[in-house]
Amino acid sequence: GEKNGVKDVSIISGDEARELEPNL
């Protein structure tokens, strides 16, 4: 993604993902 110029790409933990989407 970064090589193709996509901005704001990051890897987050499972807990951080569930903070964004509690139904995960």
PDB file of all heavy atoms in Angstrom:
ATOM      1  N   GLY A   1       0.814  -1.210   0.000  1.00  0.00           N
ATOM      2  CA  GLY A   1       0.000   0.000   0.000  1.00  0.00           C
ATOM      3  C   GLY A   1       0.842   1.253   0.000  1.00  0.00           C
ATOM      4  O   GLY A   1       0.606   2.189  -0.766  1.00  0.00           O
ATOM      5  N   GLU A   2       1.857   1.265   0.862  1.00  0.00           N
ATOM      6  CA  GLU A   2       2.744   2.435   0.950  1.00  0.00           C
ATOM      7  C   GLU A   2       3.518   2.621  -0.348  1.00  0.00           C
ATOM      8  O   GLU A   2       3.726   3.761  -0.788  1.00  0.00           O
ATOM      9  CB  GLU A   2       3.691   2.261   2.132  1.00  0.00           C
ATOM     10  CG  GLU A   2       2.973   2.340   3.482  1.00  0.00           C
ATOM     11  CD  GLU A   2       3.883   1.995   4.655  1.00  0.00           C
ATOM     12  OE1 GLU A   2       4.923   1.324   4.424  1.00  0.00           O
ATOM     13  OE2 GLU A   2       3.556   2.382   5.787  1.00  0.00           O
ATOM     14  N   LYS A   3       3.925   1.512  -0.963  1.00  0.00           N
ATOM     15  CA  LYS A   3       4.656   1.586  -2.228  1.00  0.00           C
ATOM     16  C   LYS A   3       3.779   2.171  -3.330  1.00  0.00           C
ATOM     17  O   LYS A   3       4.252   2.879  -4.218  1.00  0.00           O
ATOM     18  CB  LYS A   3       5.143   0.194  -2.631  1.00  0.00           C
ATOM     19  CG  LYS A   3       6.006   0.176  -3.886  1.00  0.00           C
ATOM     20  CD  LYS A   3       6.487  -1.234  -4.183  1.00  0.00           C
ATOM     21  CE  LYS A   3       7.349  -1.247  -5.440  1.00  0.00           C
ATOM     22  NZ  LYS A   3       7.833  -2.631  -5.759  1.00  0.00           N
ATOM     23  N   ASN A   4       2.480   1.892  -3.237  1.00  0.00           N
ATOM     24  CA  ASN A   4       1.535   2.405  -4.231  1.00  0.00           C
ATOM     25  C   ASN A   4       1.003   3.796  -3.893  1.00  0.00           C
ATOM     26  O   ASN A   4       0.117   4.311  -4.567  1.00  0.00           O
ATOM     27  CB  ASN A   4       0.355   1.439  -4.382  1.00  0.00           C
ATOM     28  CG  ASN A   4       0.748   0.143  -5.052  1.00  0.00           C
ATOM     29  OD1 ASN A   4       1.696   0.102  -5.834  1.00  0.00           O
ATOM     30  ND2 ASN A   4       0.034  -0.931  -4.756  1.00  0.00           N
ATOM     31  N   GLY A   5       1.547   4.394  -2.837  1.00  0.00           N
ATOM     32  CA  GLY A   5       1.179   5.757  -2.502  1.00  0.00           C
ATOM     33  C   GLY A   5      -0.042   5.912  -1.609  1.00  0.00           C
ATOM     34  O   GLY A   5      -0.579   7.017  -1.474  1.00  0.00           O
ATOM     35  N   VAL A   6      -0.501   4.810  -0.993  1.00  0.00           N
ATOM     36  CA  VAL A   6      -1.658   4.896  -0.096  1.00  0.00           C
ATOM     37  C   VAL A   6      -1.213   5.513   1.227  1.00  0.00           C
ATOM     38  O   VAL A   6      -0.255   5.059   1.852  1.00  0.00           O
ATOM     39  CB  VAL A   6      -2.268   3.504   0.161  1.00  0.00           C
ATOM     40  CG1 VAL A   6      -3.459   3.614   1.117  1.00  0.00           C
ATOM     41  CG2 VAL A   6      -2.691   2.857  -1.152  1.00  0.00           C
ATOM     42  N   LYS A   7      -1.915   6.551   1.677  1.00  0.00           N
ATOM     43  CA  LYS A   7      -1.548   7.246   2.907  1.00  0.00           C
ATOM     44  C   LYS A   7      -2.296   6.687   4.113  1.00  0.00           C
ATOM     45  O   LYS A   7      -3.345   6.072   3.975  1.00  0.00           O
ATOM     46  CB  LYS A   7      -1.839   8.742   2.761  1.00  0.00           C
ATOM     47  CG  LYS A   7      -1.049   9.423   1.645  1.00  0.00           C
ATOM     48  CD  LYS A   7      -1.408  10.894   1.554  1.00  0.00           C
ATOM     49  CE  LYS A   7      -0.634  11.580   0.435  1.00  0.00           C
ATOM     50  NZ  LYS A   7      -1.002  13.016   0.309  1.00  0.00           N
ATOM     51  N   ASP A   8      -1.746   6.921   5.288  1.00  0.00           N
ATOM     52  CA  ASP A   8      -2.392   6.547   6.557  1.00  0.00           C
ATOM     53  C   ASP A   8      -2.745   5.071   6.626  1.00  0.00           C
ATOM     54  O   ASP A   8      -3.873   4.683   6.934  1.00  0.00           O
ATOM     55  CB  ASP A   8      -3.658   7.383   6.784  1.00  0.00           C
ATOM     56  CG  ASP A   8      -3.334   8.851   7.031  1.00  0.00           C
ATOM     57  OD1 ASP A   8      -2.282   9.129   7.620  1.00  0.00           O
ATOM     58  OD2 ASP A   8      -4.143   9.702   6.631  1.00  0.00           O
ATOM     59  N   VAL A   9      -1.759   4.217   6.329  1.00  0.00           N
ATOM     60  CA  VAL A   9      -1.936   2.763   6.461  1.00  0.00           C
ATOM     61  C   VAL A   9      -1.130   2.309   7.671  1.00  0.00           C
ATOM     62  O   VAL A   9       0.058   2.618   7.790  1.00  0.00           O
ATOM     63  CB  VAL A   9      -1.454   2.014   5.206  1.00  0.00           C
ATOM     64  CG1 VAL A   9      -1.681   0.517   5.363  1.00  0.00           C
ATOM     65  CG2 VAL A   9      -2.195   2.514   3.974  1.00  0.00           C
ATOM     66  N   SER A  10      -1.759   1.568   8.566  1.00  0.00           N
ATOM     67  CA  SER A  10      -1.055   1.133   9.772  1.00  0.00           C
ATOM     68  C   SER A  10      -1.574  -0.220  10.234  1.00  0.00           C
ATOM     69  O   SER A  10      -2.678  -0.644   9.868  1.00  0.00           O
ATOM     70  CB  SER A  10      -1.226   2.162  10.902  1.00  0.00           C
ATOM     71  OG  SER A  10      -2.606   2.313  11.224  1.00  0.00           O
ATOM     72  N   ILE A  11      -0.771  -0.892  11.047  1.00  0.00           N
ATOM     73  CA  ILE A  11      -1.175  -2.165  11.640  1.00  0.00           C
ATOM     74  C   ILE A  11      -1.497  -1.919  13.104  1.00  0.00           C
ATOM     75  O   ILE A  11      -0.695  -1.336  13.844  1.00  0.00           O
ATOM     76  CB  ILE A  11      -0.073  -3.224  11.496  1.00  0.00           C
ATOM     77  CG1 ILE A  11       0.118  -3.575  10.017  1.00  0.00           C
ATOM     78  CG2 ILE A  11      -0.429  -4.484  12.286  1.00  0.00           C
ATOM     79  CD1 ILE A  11       1.228  -4.573   9.755  1.00  0.00           C
ATOM     80  N   ILE A  12      -2.685  -2.341  13.512  1.00  0.00           N
ATOM     81  CA  ILE A  12      -3.122  -2.138  14.886  1.00  0.00           C
ATOM     82  C   ILE A  12      -3.400  -3.479  15.547  1.00  0.00           C
ATOM     83  O   ILE A  12      -3.551  -4.506  14.872  1.00  0.00           O
ATOM     84  CB  ILE A  12      -4.386  -1.246  14.951  1.00  0.00           C
ATOM     85  CG1 ILE A  12      -5.544  -1.904  14.198  1.00  0.00           C
ATOM     86  CG2 ILE A  12      -4.091   0.139  14.381  1.00  0.00           C
ATOM     87  CD1 ILE A  12      -6.839  -1.114  14.262  1.00  0.00           C
ATOM     88  N   SER A  13      -3.452  -3.490  16.855  1.00  0.00           N
ATOM     89  CA  SER A  13      -3.701  -4.732  17.593  1.00  0.00           C
ATOM     90  C   SER A  13      -5.178  -5.120  17.521  1.00  0.00           C
ATOM     91  O   SER A  13      -6.033  -4.327  17.116  1.00  0.00           O
ATOM     92  CB  SER A  13      -3.300  -4.548  19.054  1.00  0.00           C
ATOM     93  OG  SER A  13      -4.183  -3.635  19.698  1.00  0.00           O
ATOM     94  N   GLY A  14      -5.466  -6.346  17.940  1.00  0.00           N
ATOM     95  CA  GLY A  14      -6.853  -6.795  17.981  1.00  0.00           C
ATOM     96  C   GLY A  14      -7.700  -5.938  18.900  1.00  0.00           C
ATOM     97  O   GLY A  14      -8.845  -5.604  18.579  1.00  0.00           O
ATOM     98  N   ASP A  15      -7.140  -5.550  20.054  1.00  0.00           N
ATOM     99  CA  ASP A  15      -7.879  -4.705  20.992  1.00  0.00           C
ATOM    100  C   ASP A  15      -8.173  -3.332  20.382  1.00  0.00           C
ATOM    101  O   ASP A  15      -9.274  -2.779  20.557  1.00  0.00           O
ATOM    102  CB  ASP A  15      -7.092  -4.536  22.298  1.00  0.00           C
ATOM    103  CG  ASP A  15      -7.060  -5.822  23.118  1.00  0.00           C
ATOM    104  OD1 ASP A  15      -7.957  -6.667  22.922  1.00  0.00           O
ATOM    105  OD2 ASP A  15      -6.133  -5.969  23.939  1.00  0.00           O
ATOM    106  N   GLU A  16      -7.195  -2.781  19.669  1.00  0.00           N
ATOM    107  CA  GLU A  16      -7.407  -1.481  19.024  1.00  0.00           C
ATOM    108  C   GLU A  16      -8.467  -1.586  17.938  1.00  0.00           C
ATOM    109  O   GLU A  16      -9.278  -0.674  17.753  1.00  0.00           O
ATOM    110  CB  GLU A  16      -6.092  -0.981  18.435  1.00  0.00           C
ATOM    111  CG  GLU A  16      -5.078  -0.550  19.489  1.00  0.00           C
ATOM    112  CD  GLU A  16      -3.734  -0.222  18.891  1.00  0.00           C
ATOM    113  OE1 GLU A  16      -3.305  -0.920  17.946  1.00  0.00           O
ATOM    114  OE2 GLU A  16      -3.089   0.743  19.366  1.00  0.00           O
ATOM    115  N   ALA A  17      -8.463  -2.714  17.230  1.00  0.00           N
ATOM    116  CA  ALA A  17      -9.473  -2.923  16.191  1.00  0.00           C
ATOM    117  C   ALA A  17     -10.870  -3.005  16.805  1.00  0.00           C
ATOM    118  O   ALA A  17     -11.839  -2.458  16.268  1.00  0.00           O
ATOM    119  CB  ALA A  17      -9.171  -4.196  15.405  1.00  0.00           C
ATOM    120  N   ARG A  18     -10.971  -3.682  17.962  1.00  0.00           N
ATOM    121  CA  ARG A  18     -12.279  -3.807  18.621  1.00  0.00           C
ATOM    122  C   ARG A  18     -12.740  -2.485  19.228  1.00  0.00           C
ATOM    123  O   ARG A  18     -13.940  -2.269  19.408  1.00  0.00           O
ATOM    124  CB  ARG A  18     -12.224  -4.919  19.677  1.00  0.00           C
ATOM    125  CG  ARG A  18     -12.407  -6.320  19.074  1.00  0.00           C
ATOM    126  CD  ARG A  18     -12.380  -7.396  20.134  1.00  0.00           C
ATOM    127  NE  ARG A  18     -11.034  -7.607  20.647  1.00  0.00           N
ATOM    128  CZ  ARG A  18     -10.124  -8.395  20.071  1.00  0.00           C
ATOM    129  NH1 ARG A  18     -10.428  -9.053  18.959  1.00  0.00           N
ATOM    130  NH2 ARG A  18      -8.928  -8.545  20.597  1.00  0.00           N
ATOM    131  N   GLU A  19     -11.806  -1.594  19.529  1.00  0.00           N
ATOM    132  CA  GLU A  19     -12.208  -0.261  19.992  1.00  0.00           C
ATOM    133  C   GLU A  19     -12.902   0.499  18.855  1.00  0.00           C
ATOM    134  O   GLU A  19     -13.832   1.271  19.091  1.00  0.00           O
ATOM    135  CB  GLU A  19     -10.984   0.518  20.470  1.00  0.00           C
ATOM    136  CG  GLU A  19     -10.447   0.042  21.819  1.00  0.00           C
ATOM    137  CD  GLU A  19      -9.249   0.858  22.266  1.00  0.00           C
ATOM    138  OE1 GLU A  19      -8.966   1.894  21.611  1.00  0.00           O
ATOM    139  OE2 GLU A  19      -8.598   0.485  23.250  1.00  0.00           O
ATOM    140  N   LEU A  20     -12.423   0.252  17.630  1.00  0.00           N
ATOM    141  CA  LEU A  20     -13.036   0.891  16.466  1.00  0.00           C
ATOM    142  C   LEU A  20     -14.338   0.198  16.083  1.00  0.00           C
ATOM    143  O   LEU A  20     -15.320   0.845  15.715  1.00  0.00           O
ATOM    144  CB  LEU A  20     -12.074   0.857  15.275  1.00  0.00           C
ATOM    145  CG  LEU A  20     -10.773   1.644  15.414  1.00  0.00           C
ATOM    146  CD1 LEU A  20      -9.870   1.390  14.221  1.00  0.00           C
ATOM    147  CD2 LEU A  20     -11.056   3.137  15.550  1.00  0.00           C
ATOM    148  N   GLU A  21     -14.345  -1.131  16.166  1.00  0.00           N
ATOM    149  CA  GLU A  21     -15.508  -1.937  15.798  1.00  0.00           C
ATOM    150  C   GLU A  21     -15.770  -2.975  16.894  1.00  0.00           C
ATOM    151  O   GLU A  21     -15.270  -4.099  16.842  1.00  0.00           O
ATOM    152  CB  GLU A  21     -15.269  -2.650  14.454  1.00  0.00           C
ATOM    153  CG  GLU A  21     -15.099  -1.724  13.277  1.00  0.00           C
ATOM    154  CD  GLU A  21     -16.398  -1.027  12.891  1.00  0.00           C
ATOM    155  OE1 GLU A  21     -17.467  -1.414  13.420  1.00  0.00           O
ATOM    156  OE2 GLU A  21     -16.351  -0.090  12.082  1.00  0.00           O
ATOM    157  N   PRO A  22     -16.545  -2.631  17.910  1.00  0.00           N
ATOM    158  CA  PRO A  22     -16.779  -3.516  19.057  1.00  0.00           C
ATOM    159  C   PRO A  22     -17.381  -4.877  18.697  1.00  0.00           C
ATOM    160  O   PRO A  22     -17.256  -5.826  19.469  1.00  0.00           O
ATOM    161  CB  PRO A  22     -17.751  -2.706  19.934  1.00  0.00           C
ATOM    162  CG  PRO A  22     -17.479  -1.283  19.570  1.00  0.00           C
ATOM    163  CD  PRO A  22     -17.176  -1.306  18.113  1.00  0.00           C
ATOM    164  N   ASN A  23     -18.024  -4.999  17.546  1.00  0.00           N
ATOM    165  CA  ASN A  23     -18.642  -6.267  17.178  1.00  0.00           C
ATOM    166  C   ASN A  23     -17.682  -7.240  16.500  1.00  0.00           C
ATOM    167  O   ASN A  23     -18.094  -8.327  16.090  1.00  0.00           O
ATOM    168  CB  ASN A  23     -19.846  -6.021  16.262  1.00  0.00           C
ATOM    169  CG  ASN A  23     -21.017  -5.433  17.027  1.00  0.00           C
ATOM    170  OD1 ASN A  23     -21.384  -5.916  18.095  1.00  0.00           O
ATOM    171  ND2 ASN A  23     -21.588  -4.371  16.502  1.00  0.00           N
ATOM    172  N   LEU A  24     -16.416  -6.874  16.399  1.00  0.00           N
ATOM    173  CA  LEU A  24     -15.440  -7.790  15.822  1.00  0.00           C
ATOM    174  C   LEU A  24     -15.238  -8.999  16.733  1.00  0.00           C
ATOM    175  O   LEU A  24     -15.372  -8.916  17.953  1.00  0.00           O
ATOM    176  CB  LEU A  24     -14.091  -7.090  15.615  1.00  0.00           C
ATOM    177  CG  LEU A  24     -13.985  -6.094  14.455  1.00  0.00           C
ATOM    178  CD1 LEU A  24     -12.580  -5.504  14.418  1.00  0.00           C
ATOM    179  CD2 LEU A  24     -14.322  -6.753  13.132  1.00  0.00           C
TER     180      LEU A  24
END
